Amino acid sequence: MNEKIFRSLKGIGAAGLVTGIICIVAGLSLGVISIVSGAHALGLRKHIIF
C-alpha cells in the first residue's frame, strides 16, 4: 500500500518539476524576445514622424 502511494507522489513531484522548468524556460524566452523587439523599435523610432 505504501509503495503505491510513494510511486504516485513521485510521479506528481516529477510532473510539477517538469512544469516548473517549462514555465521558467518560456518566461526567459519571452523576456528575451520582448527586449529584442524593444531594441528594434528604439532603432526605428527616428524614422517615425508624429
N, C-alpha and C. Protein backbone atom coordinates (compact mmCIF):
# COMPACT_ATOMS: atom_id res chain seq x y z
N MET A 1 0.82 -1.20 0.00
CA MET A 1 0.00 0.00 0.00
C MET A 1 0.86 1.26 0.00
N ASN A 2 1.87 1.28 0.85
CA ASN A 2 2.73 2.46 0.93
C ASN A 2 3.52 2.66 -0.35
N GLU A 3 3.86 1.57 -1.03
CA GLU A 3 4.62 1.69 -2.27
C GLU A 3 3.79 2.36 -3.36
N LYS A 4 2.49 2.06 -3.40
CA LYS A 4 1.62 2.69 -4.40
C LYS A 4 1.53 4.19 -4.15
N ILE A 5 1.40 4.57 -2.89
CA ILE A 5 1.34 5.99 -2.55
C ILE A 5 2.65 6.68 -2.90
N PHE A 6 3.78 6.01 -2.59
CA PHE A 6 5.09 6.59 -2.88
C PHE A 6 5.27 6.78 -4.38
N ARG A 7 4.86 5.80 -5.18
CA ARG A 7 5.00 5.92 -6.64
C ARG A 7 4.14 7.05 -7.20
N SER A 8 2.91 7.16 -6.70
CA SER A 8 2.04 8.22 -7.22
C SER A 8 2.56 9.60 -6.81
N LEU A 9 3.05 9.73 -5.60
CA LEU A 9 3.60 11.02 -5.17
C LEU A 9 4.88 11.35 -5.92
N LYS A 10 5.66 10.33 -6.24
CA LYS A 10 6.88 10.54 -7.02
C LYS A 10 6.54 11.06 -8.41
N GLY A 11 5.50 10.49 -9.03
CA GLY A 11 5.06 10.95 -10.35
C GLY A 11 4.52 12.36 -10.31
N ILE A 12 3.79 12.68 -9.25
CA ILE A 12 3.25 14.03 -9.11
C ILE A 12 4.38 15.04 -8.93
N GLY A 13 5.38 14.68 -8.16
CA GLY A 13 6.53 15.58 -7.96
C GLY A 13 7.31 15.80 -9.25
N ALA A 14 7.48 14.74 -10.02
CA ALA A 14 8.19 14.86 -11.29
C ALA A 14 7.41 15.75 -12.26
N ALA A 15 6.09 15.60 -12.29
CA ALA A 15 5.26 16.43 -13.17
C ALA A 15 5.34 17.89 -12.77
N GLY A 16 5.34 18.16 -11.48
CA GLY A 16 5.47 19.54 -11.01
C GLY A 16 6.81 20.14 -11.36
N LEU A 17 7.86 19.34 -11.25
CA LEU A 17 9.21 19.80 -11.59
C LEU A 17 9.31 20.13 -13.07
N VAL A 18 8.78 19.25 -13.90
CA VAL A 18 8.82 19.49 -15.36
C VAL A 18 8.01 20.73 -15.72
N THR A 19 6.85 20.89 -15.10
CA THR A 19 6.03 22.07 -15.35
C THR A 19 6.76 23.34 -14.95
N GLY A 20 7.44 23.32 -13.83
CA GLY A 20 8.21 24.49 -13.39
C GLY A 20 9.33 24.83 -14.34
N ILE A 21 10.03 23.83 -14.81
CA ILE A 21 11.14 24.07 -15.75
C ILE A 21 10.61 24.65 -17.05
N ILE A 22 9.48 24.12 -17.53
CA ILE A 22 8.89 24.64 -18.77
C ILE A 22 8.47 26.10 -18.59
N CYS A 23 7.90 26.43 -17.44
CA CYS A 23 7.48 27.81 -17.18
C CYS A 23 8.68 28.75 -17.13
N ILE A 24 9.78 28.33 -16.52
CA ILE A 24 10.97 29.16 -16.44
C ILE A 24 11.55 29.40 -17.83
N VAL A 25 11.64 28.35 -18.63
CA VAL A 25 12.20 28.48 -19.98
C VAL A 25 11.30 29.38 -20.84
N ALA A 26 9.99 29.21 -20.73
CA ALA A 26 9.08 30.04 -21.51
C ALA A 26 9.18 31.50 -21.08
N GLY A 27 9.26 31.76 -19.80
CA GLY A 27 9.38 33.14 -19.31
C GLY A 27 10.67 33.80 -19.76
N LEU A 28 11.76 33.06 -19.70
CA LEU A 28 13.04 33.63 -20.15
C LEU A 28 13.03 33.92 -21.64
N SER A 29 12.48 33.00 -22.43
CA SER A 29 12.48 33.22 -23.88
C SER A 29 11.57 34.38 -24.25
N LEU A 30 10.42 34.50 -23.60
CA LEU A 30 9.55 35.64 -23.88
C LEU A 30 10.18 36.96 -23.45
N GLY A 31 10.92 36.95 -22.35
CA GLY A 31 11.62 38.15 -21.92
C GLY A 31 12.68 38.58 -22.91
N VAL A 32 13.44 37.63 -23.41
CA VAL A 32 14.48 37.95 -24.40
C VAL A 32 13.84 38.48 -25.68
N ILE A 33 12.75 37.85 -26.10
CA ILE A 33 12.07 38.30 -27.32
C ILE A 33 11.55 39.73 -27.15
N SER A 34 10.99 40.05 -25.98
CA SER A 34 10.48 41.40 -25.76
C SER A 34 11.59 42.43 -25.70
N ILE A 35 12.73 42.08 -25.13
CA ILE A 35 13.87 43.00 -25.09
C ILE A 35 14.39 43.26 -26.50
N VAL A 36 14.50 42.21 -27.29
CA VAL A 36 14.98 42.36 -28.67
C VAL A 36 14.00 43.19 -29.49
N SER A 37 12.71 42.95 -29.31
CA SER A 37 11.70 43.73 -30.05
C SER A 37 11.73 45.19 -29.63
N GLY A 38 11.91 45.46 -28.35
CA GLY A 38 12.00 46.83 -27.88
C GLY A 38 13.23 47.54 -28.41
N ALA A 39 14.35 46.84 -28.46
CA ALA A 39 15.56 47.44 -29.02
C ALA A 39 15.38 47.74 -30.50
N HIS A 40 14.71 46.86 -31.20
CA HIS A 40 14.46 47.08 -32.62
C HIS A 40 13.54 48.29 -32.82
N ALA A 41 12.52 48.41 -31.97
CA ALA A 41 11.60 49.54 -32.05
C ALA A 41 12.32 50.85 -31.74
N LEU A 42 13.23 50.85 -30.78
CA LEU A 42 14.00 52.06 -30.48
C LEU A 42 14.89 52.45 -31.66
N GLY A 43 15.40 51.44 -32.36
CA GLY A 43 16.21 51.74 -33.52
C GLY A 43 15.41 52.34 -34.66
N LEU A 44 14.14 52.00 -34.73
CA LEU A 44 13.29 52.51 -35.81
C LEU A 44 12.58 53.80 -35.48
N ARG A 45 12.70 54.29 -34.27
CA ARG A 45 11.92 55.46 -33.87
C ARG A 45 12.34 56.74 -34.59
N LYS A 46 13.54 56.82 -35.09
CA LYS A 46 13.95 58.03 -35.81
C LYS A 46 13.29 58.13 -37.17
N HIS A 47 12.73 57.02 -37.66
CA HIS A 47 12.04 57.02 -38.95
C HIS A 47 10.54 57.30 -38.81
N ILE A 48 10.06 57.41 -37.58
CA ILE A 48 8.64 57.65 -37.35
C ILE A 48 8.40 59.15 -37.21
N ILE A 49 7.44 59.66 -37.95
CA ILE A 49 7.11 61.08 -37.90
C ILE A 49 5.75 61.22 -37.22
N PHE A 50 5.67 62.04 -36.18
CA PHE A 50 4.41 62.29 -35.48
C PHE A 50 3.82 63.59 -35.92
